[in-house]
């Protein structure tokens, strides 16, 4: 199975997701840039959560 993990600024979970998929579940993983349009024939896609510097600005 080929998994895609969306990577974007402000995310803090993309590398954790990649690690678990590769090492724990032994699955192929590709990084998908958030502005990209090519899904690289992935079977499923993970959109990891995280904190953004924008939130720090809003709540400062």
N, C-alpha and C. Protein backbone atom coordinates (compact mmCIF):
# COMPACT_ATOMS: atom_id res chain seq x y z
N UNK A 1 0.85 -1.17 0.00
CA UNK A 1 0.00 0.00 0.00
C UNK A 1 0.89 1.23 0.00
N UNK A 2 0.51 2.23 -0.73
CA UNK A 2 1.27 3.48 -0.81
C UNK A 2 0.48 4.58 -0.11
N UNK A 3 1.09 5.17 0.91
CA UNK A 3 0.44 6.18 1.74
C UNK A 3 1.02 7.56 1.43
N UNK A 4 0.18 8.56 1.43
CA UNK A 4 0.62 9.93 1.26
C UNK A 4 0.40 10.71 2.55
N UNK A 5 1.38 11.49 2.95
CA UNK A 5 1.27 12.35 4.13
C UNK A 5 1.44 13.79 3.65
N UNK A 6 0.42 14.60 3.88
CA UNK A 6 0.46 16.00 3.47
C UNK A 6 1.38 16.76 4.42
N UNK A 7 2.31 17.52 3.82
CA UNK A 7 3.28 18.30 4.57
C UNK A 7 2.99 19.77 4.31
N UNK A 8 2.88 20.54 5.38
CA UNK A 8 2.61 21.97 5.24
C UNK A 8 3.20 22.74 6.41
N UNK A 9 3.49 24.02 6.23
CA UNK A 9 4.07 24.83 7.31
C UNK A 9 3.15 24.85 8.53
N UNK A 10 3.74 24.71 9.70
CA UNK A 10 2.97 24.76 10.94
C UNK A 10 2.57 23.39 11.45
N UNK A 11 2.75 22.36 10.64
CA UNK A 11 2.39 21.01 11.09
C UNK A 11 3.47 20.48 12.01
N UNK A 12 3.07 19.75 13.03
CA UNK A 12 4.07 19.15 13.91
C UNK A 12 3.91 17.64 13.99
N UNK A 13 3.09 17.08 13.14
CA UNK A 13 2.81 15.64 13.22
C UNK A 13 3.15 14.89 11.94
N UNK A 14 3.60 15.58 10.90
CA UNK A 14 3.84 14.89 9.64
C UNK A 14 4.98 13.87 9.76
N UNK A 15 6.07 14.23 10.42
CA UNK A 15 7.19 13.31 10.56
C UNK A 15 6.83 12.12 11.45
N UNK A 16 6.01 12.35 12.48
CA UNK A 16 5.54 11.25 13.33
C UNK A 16 4.70 10.27 12.51
N UNK A 17 3.82 10.81 11.68
CA UNK A 17 2.97 9.96 10.84
C UNK A 17 3.80 9.14 9.87
N UNK A 18 4.79 9.77 9.25
CA UNK A 18 5.67 9.07 8.32
C UNK A 18 6.42 7.95 9.03
N UNK A 19 6.93 8.23 10.20
CA UNK A 19 7.68 7.24 10.97
C UNK A 19 6.81 6.01 11.28
N UNK A 20 5.61 6.24 11.76
CA UNK A 20 4.72 5.13 12.13
C UNK A 20 4.36 4.30 10.90
N UNK A 21 4.05 4.97 9.80
CA UNK A 21 3.69 4.24 8.58
C UNK A 21 4.85 3.41 8.06
N UNK A 22 6.06 3.98 8.04
CA UNK A 22 7.22 3.28 7.50
C UNK A 22 7.74 2.20 8.44
N UNK A 23 8.00 2.57 9.68
CA UNK A 23 8.65 1.65 10.63
C UNK A 23 7.67 0.71 11.32
N UNK A 24 6.53 1.26 11.74
CA UNK A 24 5.57 0.44 12.47
C UNK A 24 4.70 -0.44 11.58
N UNK A 25 4.19 0.15 10.51
CA UNK A 25 3.26 -0.57 9.64
C UNK A 25 3.91 -1.10 8.37
N UNK A 26 5.19 -0.75 8.17
CA UNK A 26 5.95 -1.24 7.00
C UNK A 26 5.27 -0.91 5.67
N UNK A 27 4.80 0.34 5.56
CA UNK A 27 4.13 0.78 4.34
C UNK A 27 4.99 1.81 3.60
N UNK A 28 4.81 1.87 2.30
CA UNK A 28 5.49 2.90 1.51
C UNK A 28 4.84 4.24 1.76
N UNK A 29 5.66 5.28 1.85
CA UNK A 29 5.15 6.62 2.16
C UNK A 29 5.75 7.64 1.21
N UNK A 30 4.92 8.57 0.76
CA UNK A 30 5.40 9.72 0.00
C UNK A 30 4.92 10.98 0.70
N UNK A 31 5.76 11.99 0.68
CA UNK A 31 5.38 13.30 1.23
C UNK A 31 4.66 14.06 0.12
N UNK A 32 3.52 14.65 0.47
CA UNK A 32 2.74 15.44 -0.48
C UNK A 32 2.72 16.89 0.00
N UNK A 33 3.34 17.77 -0.78
CA UNK A 33 3.37 19.19 -0.41
C UNK A 33 1.96 19.74 -0.47
N UNK A 34 1.57 20.56 0.49
CA UNK A 34 0.20 21.05 0.62
C UNK A 34 -0.29 21.83 -0.60
N UNK A 35 0.60 22.39 -1.38
CA UNK A 35 0.17 23.14 -2.57
C UNK A 35 0.28 22.30 -3.84
N UNK A 36 0.71 21.06 -3.68
CA UNK A 36 0.88 20.19 -4.84
C UNK A 36 -0.47 19.69 -5.37
N UNK A 37 -0.46 19.26 -6.61
CA UNK A 37 -1.68 18.77 -7.25
C UNK A 37 -1.58 17.31 -7.66
N UNK A 38 -0.42 16.71 -7.47
CA UNK A 38 -0.21 15.32 -7.87
C UNK A 38 -0.24 14.43 -6.63
N UNK A 39 -1.10 13.43 -6.65
CA UNK A 39 -1.25 12.54 -5.49
C UNK A 39 -0.35 11.31 -5.57
N UNK A 40 0.43 11.18 -6.63
CA UNK A 40 1.43 10.14 -6.79
C UNK A 40 0.89 8.73 -6.60
N UNK A 41 -0.30 8.49 -7.08
CA UNK A 41 -0.93 7.15 -7.03
C UNK A 41 -1.00 6.56 -5.63
N UNK A 42 -1.29 7.42 -4.64
CA UNK A 42 -1.40 6.93 -3.27
C UNK A 42 -2.74 6.21 -3.07
N UNK A 43 -2.73 5.25 -2.16
CA UNK A 43 -3.95 4.50 -1.83
C UNK A 43 -4.78 5.24 -0.79
N UNK A 44 -4.12 5.97 0.08
CA UNK A 44 -4.83 6.85 1.01
C UNK A 44 -3.90 7.98 1.43
N UNK A 45 -4.50 9.03 1.98
CA UNK A 45 -3.76 10.25 2.34
C UNK A 45 -4.06 10.61 3.80
N UNK A 46 -3.01 10.98 4.51
CA UNK A 46 -3.14 11.45 5.88
C UNK A 46 -2.90 12.96 5.90
N UNK A 47 -3.80 13.67 6.55
CA UNK A 47 -3.66 15.11 6.75
C UNK A 47 -3.40 15.32 8.24
N UNK A 48 -2.11 15.39 8.63
CA UNK A 48 -1.79 15.48 10.06
C UNK A 48 -2.20 16.82 10.66
N UNK A 49 -2.48 16.80 11.94
CA UNK A 49 -2.82 18.02 12.66
C UNK A 49 -1.57 18.70 13.17
N UNK A 50 -1.75 19.82 13.81
CA UNK A 50 -0.59 20.53 14.35
C UNK A 50 -0.94 21.94 14.71
N UNK A 51 0.05 22.64 15.18
CA UNK A 51 -0.14 24.02 15.59
C UNK A 51 0.53 24.93 14.57
N UNK A 52 -0.05 26.05 14.37
CA UNK A 52 0.49 27.01 13.39
C UNK A 52 0.94 28.27 14.09
N UNK A 53 1.93 28.92 13.52
CA UNK A 53 2.39 30.19 14.09
C UNK A 53 1.29 31.25 13.99
N UNK A 54 0.34 31.05 13.08
CA UNK A 54 -0.78 31.97 12.96
C UNK A 54 -1.60 31.98 14.25
N UNK A 55 -1.79 30.78 14.84
CA UNK A 55 -2.55 30.70 16.08
C UNK A 55 -1.83 31.45 17.20
N UNK A 56 -0.52 31.39 17.21
CA UNK A 56 0.24 32.13 18.23
C UNK A 56 -0.01 33.63 18.10
N UNK A 57 -0.12 34.09 16.86
CA UNK A 57 -0.37 35.51 16.62
C UNK A 57 -1.77 35.90 17.07
N UNK A 58 -2.75 35.04 16.76
CA UNK A 58 -4.15 35.33 17.10
C UNK A 58 -4.34 35.39 18.62
N UNK A 59 -3.72 34.46 19.33
CA UNK A 59 -3.93 34.37 20.77
C UNK A 59 -2.90 35.13 21.59
N UNK A 60 -2.01 35.85 20.93
CA UNK A 60 -0.97 36.59 21.68
C UNK A 60 -1.54 37.85 22.30
